[in-house]
Amino acid sequence: MLRLARPLQRLVAAPRVATPVRSIATSFPRLSEHVEPILQGSGGKDGEVPTDIEQSTGLERFELLYKLKGEEAFSMAPLEVDRLATPADPIKVFSLDTTRIVGCTGFPVDTHDTILFTVDKDKPTRCPECGNAYQVDYHGLPEDAHHHH
């Protein structure tokens, strides 16, 4: 009589249980006339360490590109405080965002230590030390003005 080296049950494949398939939800691409610049570097080449300009993205890349041209991307000049501003006539602070952090040194300038506080575009904010009023002068995109932090 012939004997099998392995039991017959092992040779027969067990029936496979079907696994449920999950669908992947995707959204439609946003179609608009506004095209934002891509602030992304080319990346490093295989086997090489990328340079800062090759691997930088976003605001870092924006700033590096300006430095290569010999220019400053962001104004580092102090605000011109030529008067004691009131909530009715605040000092306007240029911004591409709806909020900004301001450092007040008083009026006249340097009459108190620098005090940092947040200023927004909706209503003036007063310095707690000298009372000078500041408000964001928003220059960003209109659709970005409605975002919340």
N, C-alpha and C. Protein backbone atom coordinates (compact mmCIF):
# COMPACT_ATOMS: atom_id res chain seq x y z
N MET A 1 0.84 -1.17 0.00
CA MET A 1 0.00 0.00 0.00
C MET A 1 0.89 1.23 0.00
N LEU A 2 0.46 2.22 -0.72
CA LEU A 2 1.19 3.47 -0.82
C LEU A 2 0.82 4.39 0.33
N ARG A 3 1.85 5.00 0.88
CA ARG A 3 1.59 5.99 1.95
C ARG A 3 2.00 7.36 1.45
N LEU A 4 1.21 8.37 1.79
CA LEU A 4 1.54 9.76 1.44
C LEU A 4 2.45 10.34 2.50
N ALA A 5 3.45 11.08 2.06
CA ALA A 5 4.38 11.68 3.02
C ALA A 5 3.69 12.76 3.84
N ARG A 6 2.77 13.47 3.21
CA ARG A 6 2.02 14.51 3.93
C ARG A 6 0.55 14.15 3.96
N PRO A 7 -0.13 14.58 5.00
CA PRO A 7 -1.57 14.31 5.01
C PRO A 7 -2.26 15.04 3.86
N LEU A 8 -3.32 14.45 3.37
CA LEU A 8 -4.04 14.98 2.22
C LEU A 8 -4.66 16.35 2.50
N GLN A 9 -5.04 16.63 3.74
CA GLN A 9 -5.67 17.91 4.05
C GLN A 9 -4.74 19.09 3.77
N ARG A 10 -3.46 18.91 3.97
CA ARG A 10 -2.52 20.01 3.77
C ARG A 10 -2.33 20.35 2.30
N LEU A 11 -2.50 19.41 1.45
CA LEU A 11 -2.32 19.64 0.02
C LEU A 11 -3.48 20.40 -0.58
N VAL A 12 -4.62 20.25 0.00
CA VAL A 12 -5.80 20.94 -0.51
C VAL A 12 -5.82 22.33 0.11
N ALA A 13 -5.92 23.34 -0.72
CA ALA A 13 -5.92 24.72 -0.24
C ALA A 13 -7.21 25.01 0.51
N ALA A 14 -7.05 25.72 1.62
CA ALA A 14 -8.22 26.10 2.40
C ALA A 14 -8.97 27.20 1.66
N PRO A 15 -10.27 27.21 1.76
CA PRO A 15 -11.03 28.27 1.07
C PRO A 15 -10.67 29.63 1.65
N ARG A 16 -10.48 30.60 0.78
CA ARG A 16 -10.11 31.95 1.22
C ARG A 16 -11.36 32.74 1.56
N VAL A 17 -11.24 33.52 2.61
CA VAL A 17 -12.34 34.37 3.02
C VAL A 17 -12.14 35.72 2.34
N ALA A 18 -13.16 36.22 1.70
CA ALA A 18 -13.06 37.51 1.01
C ALA A 18 -12.96 38.63 2.05
N THR A 19 -11.99 39.51 1.84
CA THR A 19 -11.84 40.65 2.74
C THR A 19 -12.64 41.81 2.18
N PRO A 20 -13.28 42.56 3.05
CA PRO A 20 -14.07 43.70 2.56
C PRO A 20 -13.15 44.75 1.94
N VAL A 21 -13.62 45.38 0.92
CA VAL A 21 -12.86 46.41 0.23
C VAL A 21 -13.39 47.77 0.67
N ARG A 22 -12.46 48.64 1.10
CA ARG A 22 -12.86 49.99 1.50
C ARG A 22 -12.63 50.94 0.34
N SER A 23 -13.62 51.77 0.13
CA SER A 23 -13.43 52.77 -0.92
C SER A 23 -12.65 53.95 -0.35
N ILE A 24 -11.90 54.58 -1.20
CA ILE A 24 -11.11 55.73 -0.79
C ILE A 24 -11.81 56.97 -1.31
N ALA A 25 -12.19 57.84 -0.40
CA ALA A 25 -12.87 59.07 -0.79
C ALA A 25 -11.84 60.11 -1.22
N THR A 26 -12.10 60.75 -2.31
CA THR A 26 -11.24 61.82 -2.78
C THR A 26 -12.08 63.04 -3.06
N SER A 27 -11.45 64.17 -3.07
CA SER A 27 -12.18 65.39 -3.38
C SER A 27 -11.79 65.86 -4.77
N PHE A 28 -12.66 66.63 -5.36
CA PHE A 28 -12.37 67.16 -6.68
C PHE A 28 -11.26 68.19 -6.59
N PRO A 29 -10.43 68.30 -7.60
CA PRO A 29 -9.39 69.34 -7.57
C PRO A 29 -10.02 70.73 -7.55
N ARG A 30 -9.37 71.62 -6.85
CA ARG A 30 -9.86 72.99 -6.75
C ARG A 30 -9.50 73.72 -8.04
N LEU A 31 -10.50 74.15 -8.75
CA LEU A 31 -10.29 74.84 -10.00
C LEU A 31 -10.53 76.33 -9.80
N SER A 32 -9.53 77.12 -10.04
CA SER A 32 -9.68 78.56 -9.95
C SER A 32 -8.67 79.21 -10.87
N GLU A 33 -8.87 80.48 -11.09
CA GLU A 33 -7.95 81.23 -11.94
C GLU A 33 -6.69 81.61 -11.19
N HIS A 34 -6.75 81.63 -9.85
CA HIS A 34 -5.62 82.02 -9.02
C HIS A 34 -4.61 80.87 -8.93
N VAL A 35 -3.41 81.10 -9.37
CA VAL A 35 -2.36 80.09 -9.30
C VAL A 35 -1.28 80.60 -8.36
N GLU A 36 -1.06 79.87 -7.26
CA GLU A 36 -0.04 80.27 -6.30
C GLU A 36 1.31 79.74 -6.75
N PRO A 37 2.38 80.50 -6.52
CA PRO A 37 3.70 80.01 -6.92
C PRO A 37 4.10 78.81 -6.06
N ILE A 38 4.82 77.88 -6.65
CA ILE A 38 5.28 76.71 -5.91
C ILE A 38 6.57 77.09 -5.22
N LEU A 39 6.54 77.08 -3.91
CA LEU A 39 7.73 77.42 -3.13
C LEU A 39 8.36 76.13 -2.62
N GLN A 40 8.85 75.34 -3.58
CA GLN A 40 9.45 74.06 -3.25
C GLN A 40 10.69 73.88 -4.10
N GLY A 41 11.76 73.44 -3.48
CA GLY A 41 13.01 73.23 -4.20
C GLY A 41 12.98 71.97 -5.04
N SER A 42 14.01 71.78 -5.83
CA SER A 42 14.10 70.61 -6.71
C SER A 42 14.46 69.35 -5.94
N GLY A 43 14.98 69.49 -4.74
CA GLY A 43 15.38 68.33 -3.96
C GLY A 43 16.80 67.91 -4.31
N GLY A 44 17.36 67.04 -3.51
CA GLY A 44 18.72 66.59 -3.74
C GLY A 44 18.79 65.49 -4.79
N LYS A 45 19.94 65.37 -5.42
CA LYS A 45 20.16 64.31 -6.40
C LYS A 45 20.59 63.05 -5.65
N ASP A 46 20.33 61.91 -6.24
CA ASP A 46 20.69 60.64 -5.61
C ASP A 46 22.18 60.60 -5.27
N GLY A 47 22.48 60.23 -4.04
CA GLY A 47 23.86 60.09 -3.61
C GLY A 47 24.54 61.38 -3.20
N GLU A 48 23.81 62.51 -3.21
CA GLU A 48 24.38 63.80 -2.83
C GLU A 48 23.58 64.42 -1.69
N VAL A 49 24.25 65.24 -0.92
CA VAL A 49 23.57 65.98 0.13
C VAL A 49 23.02 67.26 -0.49
N PRO A 50 21.69 67.52 -0.38
CA PRO A 50 21.13 68.71 -1.02
C PRO A 50 21.56 70.00 -0.33
N THR A 51 21.65 71.06 -1.12
CA THR A 51 21.96 72.38 -0.57
C THR A 51 20.70 72.96 0.05
N ASP A 52 20.85 74.06 0.79
CA ASP A 52 19.70 74.72 1.39
C ASP A 52 18.68 75.14 0.34
N ILE A 53 19.15 75.67 -0.77
CA ILE A 53 18.23 76.16 -1.80
C ILE A 53 17.50 74.99 -2.49
N GLU A 54 18.14 73.81 -2.56
CA GLU A 54 17.49 72.65 -3.17
C GLU A 54 16.42 72.03 -2.28
N GLN A 55 16.62 72.09 -0.96
CA GLN A 55 15.69 71.41 -0.07
C GLN A 55 14.73 72.33 0.68
N SER A 56 14.90 73.64 0.56
CA SER A 56 14.03 74.55 1.29
C SER A 56 12.65 74.65 0.64
N THR A 57 11.65 74.92 1.47
CA THR A 57 10.28 75.07 0.99
C THR A 57 9.61 76.24 1.71
N GLY A 58 8.48 76.68 1.20
CA GLY A 58 7.66 77.67 1.86
C GLY A 58 8.34 79.00 2.10
N LEU A 59 8.11 79.57 3.28
CA LEU A 59 8.66 80.89 3.61
C LEU A 59 10.19 80.88 3.67
N GLU A 60 10.76 79.74 4.10
CA GLU A 60 12.22 79.66 4.14
C GLU A 60 12.79 79.82 2.73
N ARG A 61 12.20 79.16 1.75
CA ARG A 61 12.65 79.26 0.37
C ARG A 61 12.42 80.67 -0.17
N PHE A 62 11.27 81.24 0.14
CA PHE A 62 10.94 82.61 -0.27
C PHE A 62 12.02 83.58 0.21
N GLU A 63 12.41 83.44 1.47
CA GLU A 63 13.43 84.31 2.05
C GLU A 63 14.81 84.06 1.42
N LEU A 64 15.16 82.79 1.20
CA LEU A 64 16.45 82.47 0.57
C LEU A 64 16.55 83.02 -0.85
N LEU A 65 15.47 82.94 -1.62
CA LEU A 65 15.48 83.46 -2.99
C LEU A 65 15.71 84.97 -3.00
N TYR A 66 15.12 85.67 -2.04
CA TYR A 66 15.35 87.12 -1.95
C TYR A 66 16.79 87.42 -1.56
N LYS A 67 17.34 86.64 -0.63
CA LYS A 67 18.73 86.86 -0.20
C LYS A 67 19.71 86.63 -1.35
N LEU A 68 19.40 85.66 -2.24
CA LEU A 68 20.24 85.43 -3.41
C LEU A 68 20.24 86.65 -4.35
N LYS A 69 19.12 87.38 -4.37
CA LYS A 69 19.04 88.60 -5.19
C LYS A 69 19.66 89.79 -4.47
N GLY A 70 20.05 89.60 -3.20
CA GLY A 70 20.64 90.69 -2.43
C GLY A 70 19.61 91.60 -1.80
N GLU A 71 18.39 91.11 -1.63
CA GLU A 71 17.30 91.91 -1.05
C GLU A 71 16.77 91.23 0.21
N GLU A 72 16.06 92.00 1.00
CA GLU A 72 15.39 91.46 2.19
C GLU A 72 13.94 91.14 1.83
N ALA A 73 13.49 89.94 2.14
CA ALA A 73 12.12 89.53 1.84
C ALA A 73 11.11 90.23 2.76
N PHE A 74 11.52 90.46 3.99
CA PHE A 74 10.62 91.06 4.97
C PHE A 74 11.26 92.33 5.53
N SER A 75 10.44 93.34 5.71
CA SER A 75 10.94 94.61 6.23
C SER A 75 11.29 94.45 7.71
N MET A 76 12.52 94.78 8.05
CA MET A 76 12.95 94.71 9.44
C MET A 76 13.03 96.11 10.06
N ALA A 77 12.57 97.10 9.31
CA ALA A 77 12.59 98.48 9.80
C ALA A 77 11.55 98.65 10.91
N PRO A 78 11.86 99.45 11.91
CA PRO A 78 10.87 99.67 12.98
C PRO A 78 9.69 100.49 12.46
N LEU A 79 8.56 100.34 13.13
CA LEU A 79 7.39 101.15 12.79
C LEU A 79 7.67 102.61 13.06
N GLU A 80 7.12 103.45 12.23
CA GLU A 80 7.27 104.89 12.45
C GLU A 80 6.15 105.36 13.36
N VAL A 81 6.50 105.69 14.59
CA VAL A 81 5.52 106.16 15.57
C VAL A 81 5.74 107.66 15.73
N ASP A 82 4.94 108.44 15.01
CA ASP A 82 5.11 109.89 15.00
C ASP A 82 4.07 110.63 15.84
N ARG A 83 3.21 109.86 16.51
CA ARG A 83 2.15 110.49 17.32
C ARG A 83 1.67 109.48 18.36
N LEU A 84 0.94 109.98 19.34
CA LEU A 84 0.28 109.10 20.29
C LEU A 84 -1.05 108.70 19.64
N ALA A 85 -1.11 107.49 19.13
CA ALA A 85 -2.27 107.04 18.38
C ALA A 85 -3.42 106.67 19.30
N THR A 86 -4.62 106.90 18.83
CA THR A 86 -5.84 106.60 19.58
C THR A 86 -6.60 105.48 18.88
N PRO A 87 -7.57 104.85 19.54
CA PRO A 87 -8.38 103.83 18.85
C PRO A 87 -9.11 104.40 17.62
N ALA A 88 -9.43 105.66 17.63
CA ALA A 88 -10.09 106.27 16.47
C ALA A 88 -9.10 106.50 15.33
N ASP A 89 -7.82 106.66 15.63
CA ASP A 89 -6.78 106.89 14.63
C ASP A 89 -5.52 106.08 15.01
N PRO A 90 -5.60 104.73 14.84
CA PRO A 90 -4.48 103.88 15.27
C PRO A 90 -3.32 103.91 14.28
N ILE A 91 -2.15 103.47 14.75
CA ILE A 91 -1.00 103.29 13.87
C ILE A 91 -1.24 102.00 13.10
N LYS A 92 -1.20 102.08 11.78
CA LYS A 92 -1.47 100.92 10.92
C LYS A 92 -0.19 100.10 10.75
N VAL A 93 -0.32 98.77 10.92
CA VAL A 93 0.79 97.84 10.82
C VAL A 93 0.57 96.97 9.59
N PHE A 94 1.43 97.10 8.58
CA PHE A 94 1.32 96.30 7.36
C PHE A 94 1.42 94.82 7.71
N SER A 95 0.54 94.00 7.12
CA SER A 95 0.59 92.56 7.36
C SER A 95 -0.07 91.80 6.23
N LEU A 96 0.45 90.61 5.93
CA LEU A 96 -0.17 89.70 4.98
C LEU A 96 -1.04 88.68 5.71
N ASP A 97 -1.11 88.80 7.03
CA ASP A 97 -1.96 87.94 7.85
C ASP A 97 -2.92 88.85 8.62
N THR A 98 -3.96 88.25 9.18
CA THR A 98 -4.96 89.06 9.89
C THR A 98 -4.51 89.46 11.29
N THR A 99 -3.47 88.80 11.81
CA THR A 99 -2.93 89.16 13.12
C THR A 99 -1.42 89.34 13.01
N ARG A 100 -0.88 90.10 13.94
CA ARG A 100 0.57 90.34 13.95
C ARG A 100 0.99 90.67 15.37
N ILE A 101 2.21 90.32 15.72
CA ILE A 101 2.76 90.66 17.03
C ILE A 101 3.54 91.96 16.88
N VAL A 102 3.23 92.92 17.74
CA VAL A 102 3.86 94.24 17.70
C VAL A 102 4.63 94.45 18.99
N GLY A 103 5.78 95.12 18.87
CA GLY A 103 6.56 95.50 20.03
C GLY A 103 6.53 97.00 20.19
N CYS A 104 5.92 97.50 21.25
CA CYS A 104 5.80 98.94 21.47
C CYS A 104 6.88 99.39 22.46
N THR A 105 7.54 100.51 22.12
CA THR A 105 8.54 101.09 23.03
C THR A 105 8.08 102.45 23.55
N GLY A 106 6.82 102.78 23.29
CA GLY A 106 6.26 104.01 23.83
C GLY A 106 6.29 105.18 22.87
N PHE A 107 5.66 106.27 23.31
CA PHE A 107 5.72 107.52 22.57
C PHE A 107 6.00 108.63 23.56
N PRO A 108 7.01 109.44 23.33
CA PRO A 108 8.05 109.32 22.31
C PRO A 108 8.78 107.99 22.41
N VAL A 109 9.44 107.60 21.32
CA VAL A 109 10.09 106.30 21.22
C VAL A 109 11.08 106.11 22.37
N ASP A 110 11.15 104.88 22.88
CA ASP A 110 12.03 104.46 23.97
C ASP A 110 11.70 105.09 25.32
N THR A 111 10.44 105.39 25.57
CA THR A 111 10.05 105.89 26.88
C THR A 111 9.70 104.76 27.84
N HIS A 112 9.54 103.54 27.32
CA HIS A 112 9.38 102.38 28.20
C HIS A 112 10.00 101.16 27.52
N ASP A 113 10.17 100.08 28.30
CA ASP A 113 10.72 98.84 27.75
C ASP A 113 9.79 98.30 26.67
N THR A 114 10.34 97.46 25.79
CA THR A 114 9.54 96.88 24.71
C THR A 114 8.50 95.93 25.29
N ILE A 115 7.25 96.17 24.90
CA ILE A 115 6.14 95.32 25.32
C ILE A 115 5.55 94.70 24.06
N LEU A 116 5.49 93.37 24.03
CA LEU A 116 4.94 92.66 22.87
C LEU A 116 3.48 92.30 23.11
N PHE A 117 2.65 92.49 22.09
CA PHE A 117 1.25 92.11 22.17
C PHE A 117 0.72 91.85 20.76
N THR A 118 -0.40 91.14 20.68
CA THR A 118 -1.00 90.78 19.40
C THR A 118 -1.97 91.85 18.94
N VAL A 119 -1.89 92.17 17.65
CA VAL A 119 -2.76 93.17 17.03
C VAL A 119 -3.52 92.46 15.91
N ASP A 120 -4.82 92.79 15.73
CA ASP A 120 -5.55 92.19 14.62
C ASP A 120 -6.20 93.24 13.74
N LYS A 121 -6.83 92.78 12.66
CA LYS A 121 -7.37 93.72 11.68
C LYS A 121 -8.75 94.24 12.05
N ASP A 122 -9.44 93.59 12.97
CA ASP A 122 -10.82 93.96 13.26
C ASP A 122 -10.98 95.17 14.17
N LYS A 123 -10.13 95.29 15.18
CA LYS A 123 -10.23 96.45 16.07
C LYS A 123 -8.86 96.81 16.61
N PRO A 124 -8.64 98.07 16.93
CA PRO A 124 -7.35 98.52 17.46
C PRO A 124 -7.04 97.89 18.82
N THR A 125 -5.74 97.70 19.06
CA THR A 125 -5.26 97.19 20.34
C THR A 125 -4.36 98.25 20.95
N ARG A 126 -4.54 98.52 22.25
CA ARG A 126 -3.75 99.55 22.93
C ARG A 126 -2.61 98.93 23.71
N CYS A 127 -1.49 99.64 23.72
CA CYS A 127 -0.35 99.24 24.53
C CYS A 127 -0.74 99.42 26.00
N PRO A 128 -0.51 98.40 26.84
CA PRO A 128 -0.90 98.53 28.25
C PRO A 128 -0.05 99.54 29.02
N GLU A 129 1.12 99.92 28.50
CA GLU A 129 2.00 100.86 29.21
C GLU A 129 1.71 102.31 28.84
N CYS A 130 1.72 102.62 27.54
CA CYS A 130 1.58 104.02 27.12
C CYS A 130 0.23 104.35 26.49
N GLY A 131 -0.55 103.34 26.13
CA GLY A 131 -1.87 103.58 25.56
C GLY A 131 -1.88 103.78 24.04
N ASN A 132 -0.73 103.68 23.39
CA ASN A 132 -0.68 103.82 21.94
C ASN A 132 -1.53 102.73 21.30
N ALA A 133 -2.32 103.09 20.27
CA ALA A 133 -3.22 102.13 19.61
C ALA A 133 -2.63 101.67 18.28
N TYR A 134 -2.74 100.36 18.02
CA TYR A 134 -2.22 99.75 16.79
C TYR A 134 -3.32 98.89 16.17
N GLN A 135 -3.29 98.80 14.83
CA GLN A 135 -4.24 97.94 14.12
C GLN A 135 -3.57 97.41 12.85
N VAL A 136 -3.89 96.16 12.48
CA VAL A 136 -3.32 95.55 11.27
C VAL A 136 -3.91 96.19 10.03
N ASP A 137 -3.02 96.55 9.10
CA ASP A 137 -3.41 97.04 7.78
C ASP A 137 -3.24 95.84 6.85
N TYR A 138 -4.32 95.06 6.69
CA TYR A 138 -4.27 93.78 6.00
C TYR A 138 -4.11 93.93 4.49
N HIS A 139 -3.09 93.25 3.92
CA HIS A 139 -2.83 93.29 2.48
C HIS A 139 -2.80 91.89 1.87
N GLY A 140 -3.30 90.89 2.58
CA GLY A 140 -3.30 89.52 2.07
C GLY A 140 -4.43 89.28 1.09
N LEU A 141 -4.60 88.01 0.72
CA LEU A 141 -5.66 87.63 -0.20
C LEU A 141 -7.02 87.76 0.48
N PRO A 142 -8.05 88.21 -0.24
CA PRO A 142 -9.37 88.39 0.37
C PRO A 142 -9.92 87.10 0.98
N GLU A 143 -9.69 85.95 0.33
CA GLU A 143 -10.24 84.70 0.86
C GLU A 143 -9.51 84.24 2.11
N ASP A 144 -8.29 84.72 2.34
CA ASP A 144 -7.54 84.35 3.54
C ASP A 144 -7.92 85.21 4.75
N ALA A 145 -8.65 86.27 4.53
CA ALA A 145 -9.00 87.18 5.62
C ALA A 145 -10.03 86.58 6.56
N HIS A 146 -10.65 85.48 6.18
CA HIS A 146 -11.74 84.91 6.98
C HIS A 146 -11.35 83.68 7.76
N HIS A 147 -10.05 83.30 7.72
CA HIS A 147 -9.64 82.11 8.45
C HIS A 147 -9.55 82.40 9.95
N HIS A 148 -9.72 81.34 10.72
CA HIS A 148 -9.64 81.47 12.17
C HIS A 148 -8.50 80.61 12.68
N HIS A 149 -7.81 81.09 13.71
CA HIS A 149 -6.67 80.34 14.27
C HIS A 149 -7.16 79.37 15.30
